[in-house]
């Protein structure tokens, strides 16, 4: 009986009584407001903690997002560069195909004996006045023979080997060929010029010269076919009292991007 009056028993009995009371109160629903009050107590603390942690969370979230954006921009930049390279290649192929179609159309309509050639080199000085073609004596090339592009005279062979030739373009200052205005019959000379590119020189004083007239080869040199188109008359360069008339000639050939030509055999 002494155990009943011990301190341990008293604590045990008190805890048991509180447990029974709590269970009974919970069963009756009396503890609802108390539970709700205890649940609400941490809210201010949670609010303060969330408020303090939010800037840190936003900082790391923004830094991570910026890294993702930087990586995405790098990928997009690489894709754009690849697409640009493909576009350049496509444009180059399209331009090349267009030139080939024009040259093929000229070759099919021409009665001349033509040998297709590719330009494989240009003058070392970087000037568009001499080119090398992959047609030589084996393909019918010879010094003095005409080379045409876009249906117009582009130059003439100045040197040849078995499988390649050097071509002096009509824009070369040393180039010259007998020529005439297509509507007339008097022989003149077409020559290259540093100042104006190409000129028709030594035109007879009584020969009518007007802008838009066509100049063609005269056929005096038997190595160059007669009536090859050379260019179109531009400005009259001579004075009224000059012994001969002189005019600029405009060629449609883009000599800086000359890729394909025909050797007139």
Protein backbone atom coordinates (compact mmCIF):
# COMPACT_ATOMS: atom_id res chain seq x y z
CA UNK A 1 0.00 0.00 0.00
CA UNK A 2 2.95 2.25 0.40
CA UNK A 3 3.38 2.24 -3.42
CA UNK A 4 0.11 4.13 -3.82
CA UNK A 5 1.51 7.07 -1.93
CA UNK A 6 4.81 7.24 -3.71
CA UNK A 7 5.74 10.19 -5.95
CA UNK A 8 6.10 7.99 -9.02
CA UNK A 9 2.65 6.62 -8.63
CA UNK A 10 1.23 10.11 -8.26
CA UNK A 11 2.90 11.22 -11.54
CA UNK A 12 1.71 8.10 -13.34
CA UNK A 13 -1.83 8.60 -12.08
CA UNK A 14 -1.80 12.27 -13.13
CA UNK A 15 -0.58 11.48 -16.66
CA UNK A 16 -3.15 8.71 -17.00
CA UNK A 17 -5.87 11.03 -15.81
CA UNK A 18 -4.82 13.73 -18.33
CA UNK A 19 -4.76 11.16 -21.12
CA UNK A 20 -8.23 9.95 -20.26
CA UNK A 21 -9.47 13.51 -20.01
CA UNK A 22 -7.86 14.44 -23.36
CA UNK A 23 -9.35 11.37 -25.04
CA UNK A 24 -12.78 12.14 -23.62
CA UNK A 25 -12.52 15.82 -24.61
CA UNK A 26 -11.41 14.89 -28.14
CA UNK A 27 -14.33 12.46 -28.37
CA UNK A 28 -16.73 15.20 -27.29
CA UNK A 29 -15.13 17.74 -29.68
CA UNK A 30 -14.06 20.09 -26.95
CA UNK A 31 -10.41 20.15 -28.13
CA UNK A 32 -11.19 21.51 -31.64
CA UNK A 33 -10.65 25.20 -30.81
CA UNK A 34 -7.56 24.36 -28.80
CA UNK A 35 -6.08 22.32 -31.66
CA UNK A 36 -6.84 25.09 -34.14
CA UNK A 37 -5.14 27.64 -31.88
CA UNK A 38 -2.01 25.48 -31.64
CA UNK A 39 -2.01 25.01 -35.43
CA UNK A 40 -2.19 28.77 -35.96
CA UNK A 41 0.65 29.58 -33.58
CA UNK A 42 3.54 28.75 -36.06
CA UNK A 43 2.04 30.86 -38.88
CA UNK A 44 3.76 34.18 -38.00
CA UNK A 45 7.04 32.32 -37.63
CA UNK A 46 6.52 30.58 -40.98
CA UNK A 47 5.66 33.91 -42.59
CA UNK A 48 8.83 35.52 -41.27
CA UNK A 49 10.96 32.56 -42.32
CA UNK A 50 9.42 32.51 -45.83
CA UNK A 51 9.91 36.27 -46.18
CA UNK A 52 13.58 35.97 -45.26
CA UNK A 53 14.18 32.97 -47.50
CA UNK A 54 12.31 34.29 -50.56
CA UNK A 55 15.09 36.68 -51.81
CA UNK A 56 17.67 33.92 -51.48
CA UNK A 57 15.43 31.51 -53.32
CA UNK A 58 14.73 34.07 -56.04
CA UNK A 59 18.45 34.83 -56.42
CA UNK A 60 19.44 31.21 -56.98
CA UNK A 61 16.40 30.61 -59.20
CA UNK A 62 17.27 33.64 -61.33
CA UNK A 63 20.94 32.64 -61.54
CA UNK A 64 19.96 29.14 -62.64
CA UNK A 65 17.51 30.53 -65.19
CA UNK A 66 20.12 32.92 -66.56
CA UNK A 67 22.48 30.00 -67.04
CA UNK A 68 19.76 28.11 -68.89
CA UNK A 69 19.08 31.16 -71.08
CA UNK A 70 22.80 31.57 -71.81
CA UNK A 71 23.11 27.91 -72.81
CA UNK A 72 19.98 28.18 -74.95
CA UNK A 73 21.30 31.33 -76.64
CA UNK A 74 24.58 29.55 -77.37
CA UNK A 75 22.70 26.65 -78.96
CA UNK A 76 20.53 29.01 -80.98
CA UNK A 77 23.55 31.02 -82.12
CA UNK A 78 25.22 27.82 -83.30
CA UNK A 79 22.08 26.79 -85.16
CA UNK A 80 21.79 30.23 -86.77
CA UNK A 81 25.43 30.03 -87.90
CA UNK A 82 24.83 26.61 -89.43
CA UNK A 83 21.71 27.88 -91.20
CA UNK A 84 23.60 30.92 -92.48
CA UNK A 85 26.37 28.70 -93.84
CA UNK A 86 23.78 26.51 -95.54
CA UNK A 87 22.10 29.59 -96.99
CA UNK A 88 25.43 30.85 -98.36
CA UNK A 89 26.08 27.44 -99.91
CA UNK A 90 22.56 27.34 -101.34
CA UNK A 91 22.89 30.85 -102.77
CA UNK A 92 26.24 29.95 -104.32
CA UNK A 93 24.82 26.80 -105.88
CA UNK A 94 21.75 28.68 -107.12
CA UNK A 95 23.93 31.36 -108.71
CA UNK A 96 26.17 28.72 -110.26
CA UNK A 97 23.16 26.84 -111.64
CA UNK A 98 21.74 30.06 -113.08
CA UNK A 99 25.02 30.80 -114.84
CA UNK A 100 25.20 27.25 -116.16
CA UNK A 101 21.66 27.52 -117.53
CA UNK A 102 22.51 30.77 -119.30
CA UNK A 103 25.69 29.33 -120.77
CA UNK A 104 23.89 26.14 -121.83
CA UNK A 105 21.16 28.18 -123.50
CA UNK A 106 23.80 30.17 -125.42
CA UNK A 107 25.67 27.00 -126.42
CA UNK A 108 22.49 25.37 -127.70
CA UNK A 109 21.48 28.39 -129.78
CA UNK A 110 24.96 29.19 -131.13
CA UNK A 111 26.28 27.84 -134.44
CA UNK A 112 29.86 28.15 -133.20
CA UNK A 113 32.04 25.19 -132.28
CA UNK A 114 32.24 25.73 -128.53
CA UNK A 115 34.28 23.96 -125.86
CA UNK A 116 33.00 24.47 -122.29
CA UNK A 117 35.74 25.43 -119.81
CA UNK A 118 35.97 26.34 -116.15
CA UNK A 119 37.99 29.21 -114.74
CA UNK A 120 40.55 27.64 -112.41
CA UNK A 121 42.78 30.61 -111.64
CA UNK A 122 43.12 34.38 -111.75
CA UNK A 123 45.98 36.82 -112.12
CA UNK A 124 48.32 36.91 -109.11
CA UNK A 125 47.89 40.67 -108.81
CA UNK A 126 44.22 40.15 -108.00
CA UNK A 127 43.10 42.12 -111.02
CA UNK A 128 40.28 40.75 -113.14
CA UNK A 129 42.29 41.00 -116.38
CA UNK A 130 43.79 37.51 -116.80
CA UNK A 131 42.34 34.10 -115.93
CA UNK A 132 43.37 30.49 -116.36
CA UNK A 133 40.96 27.95 -117.83
CA UNK A 134 41.08 24.17 -117.79
CA UNK A 135 41.11 23.93 -121.60
CA UNK A 136 44.40 23.54 -123.42
CA UNK A 137 45.70 22.36 -126.76
CA UNK A 138 44.16 18.94 -126.08
CA UNK A 139 40.75 20.60 -126.05
CA UNK A 140 41.41 22.73 -129.15
CA UNK A 141 42.87 25.83 -127.54
CA UNK A 142 45.46 27.96 -129.33
CA UNK A 143 46.93 31.41 -128.87
CA UNK A 144 44.63 34.11 -130.23
CA UNK A 145 41.41 32.09 -130.06
CA UNK A 146 38.33 33.76 -128.62
CA UNK A 147 36.75 32.95 -125.27
CA UNK A 148 33.11 33.91 -124.67
CA UNK A 149 30.83 34.14 -121.63
CA UNK A 150 27.16 35.09 -121.36
CA UNK A 151 27.13 35.20 -125.17
CA UNK A 152 29.72 38.01 -125.29
CA UNK A 153 33.43 38.07 -126.01
CA UNK A 154 35.29 37.66 -122.71
CA UNK A 155 38.87 37.59 -123.99
CA UNK A 156 41.33 35.62 -126.06
CA UNK A 157 43.91 32.96 -125.35
CA UNK A 158 47.35 34.43 -124.68
CA UNK A 159 49.17 31.22 -123.70
CA UNK A 160 48.32 27.53 -123.83
CA UNK A 161 49.57 24.16 -122.62
CA UNK A 162 48.10 20.72 -123.13
CA UNK A 163 45.35 21.00 -120.52
CA UNK A 164 45.15 24.66 -119.54
CA UNK A 165 45.33 28.12 -121.09
CA UNK A 166 45.83 31.70 -119.97
CA UNK A 167 43.13 34.08 -121.17
CA UNK A 168 43.64 37.83 -121.56
CA UNK A 169 40.28 39.39 -120.75
CA UNK A 170 38.88 42.27 -122.79
CA UNK A 171 39.27 44.53 -119.74
CA UNK A 172 43.05 44.07 -119.83
CA UNK A 173 44.83 47.26 -120.89
CA UNK A 174 46.84 45.25 -123.43
CA UNK A 175 43.80 43.65 -125.07
CA UNK A 176 42.65 44.65 -128.55
CA UNK A 177 40.52 43.10 -131.27
CA UNK A 178 39.13 44.30 -134.58
CA UNK A 179 35.52 45.36 -134.22
CA UNK A 180 32.68 47.27 -135.80
CA UNK A 181 29.32 48.72 -134.87
CA UNK A 182 26.75 46.08 -135.82
CA UNK A 183 24.63 48.56 -137.81
CA UNK A 184 27.69 49.77 -139.74
CA UNK A 185 30.46 48.10 -141.63
CA UNK A 186 33.62 50.08 -140.99
CA UNK A 187 36.31 48.42 -138.93
CA UNK A 188 37.32 49.91 -135.58
CA UNK A 189 39.27 48.53 -132.63
CA UNK A 190 37.93 47.39 -129.29
CA UNK A 191 40.52 47.61 -126.58
CA UNK A 192 40.83 47.34 -122.84
CA UNK A 193 41.50 50.42 -120.77
CA UNK A 194 42.43 51.05 -117.13
CA UNK A 195 40.37 54.23 -117.12
CA UNK A 196 37.10 53.10 -118.66
CA UNK A 197 37.33 49.31 -118.76
CA UNK A 198 36.62 48.83 -122.45
CA UNK A 199 36.45 51.27 -125.35
CA UNK A 200 35.70 51.19 -129.06
CA UNK A 201 38.48 53.19 -130.66
CA UNK A 202 39.39 54.43 -134.15
CA UNK A 203 35.77 54.67 -135.31
CA UNK A 204 35.51 56.40 -138.66
CA UNK A 205 34.46 60.04 -138.30
CA UNK A 206 31.50 59.54 -140.65
CA UNK A 207 30.26 56.45 -138.73
CA UNK A 208 27.09 57.23 -136.70
CA UNK A 209 27.68 56.40 -133.02
CA UNK A 210 24.80 56.27 -130.57
CA UNK A 211 24.27 54.93 -127.06
CA UNK A 212 22.84 51.41 -127.08
CA UNK A 213 24.39 50.29 -130.38
CA UNK A 214 26.11 46.92 -130.29
CA UNK A 215 29.75 46.35 -131.13
CA UNK A 216 30.79 43.01 -132.66
CA UNK A 217 34.00 41.42 -133.90
CA UNK A 218 34.82 42.39 -137.49
CA UNK A 219 36.40 39.08 -138.52
CA UNK A 220 39.69 40.56 -139.75
CA UNK A 221 41.64 38.21 -137.46
CA UNK A 222 40.85 34.72 -138.75
CA UNK A 223 41.50 33.25 -135.27
CA UNK A 224 38.44 35.06 -133.91
CA UNK A 225 35.01 34.38 -135.34
CA UNK A 226 33.13 37.22 -137.00
CA UNK A 227 30.12 38.92 -135.34
CA UNK A 228 30.86 37.89 -131.76
CA UNK A 229 29.14 40.34 -129.45
CA UNK A 230 31.59 42.56 -127.57
CA UNK A 231 29.46 45.12 -125.79
CA UNK A 232 27.05 48.01 -125.99
CA UNK A 233 27.97 51.59 -126.81
CA UNK A 234 27.90 53.81 -123.73
CA UNK A 235 29.26 57.35 -123.76
CA UNK A 236 30.95 58.98 -126.76
CA UNK A 237 34.40 59.94 -125.47
CA UNK A 238 35.83 61.79 -128.46
CA UNK A 239 35.55 65.48 -129.38
CA UNK A 240 33.91 66.59 -132.67
CA UNK A 241 37.24 67.67 -134.13
CA UNK A 242 39.10 64.39 -133.33
CA UNK A 243 40.38 62.38 -136.29
CA UNK A 244 38.53 59.28 -135.08
CA UNK A 245 35.57 58.78 -132.82
CA UNK A 246 35.91 56.95 -129.54
CA UNK A 247 33.22 55.52 -127.24
CA UNK A 248 32.98 53.42 -124.10
CA UNK A 249 31.75 49.85 -124.36
CA UNK A 250 29.62 48.17 -121.71
CA UNK A 251 29.89 44.40 -121.30
CA UNK A 252 27.29 42.41 -119.33
CA UNK A 253 29.95 39.97 -118.15
CA UNK A 254 30.75 40.01 -114.44
CA UNK A 255 34.51 39.55 -114.81
CA UNK A 256 35.10 39.47 -111.07
CA UNK A 257 32.91 36.35 -110.76
CA UNK A 258 33.75 34.62 -114.01
CA UNK A 259 33.44 30.87 -113.44
CA UNK A 260 32.44 29.32 -116.77
CA UNK A 261 33.43 30.22 -120.32
CA UNK A 262 33.40 28.75 -123.80
CA UNK A 263 36.46 28.41 -125.99
CA UNK A 264 35.52 29.16 -129.60
CA UNK A 265 37.33 26.47 -131.57
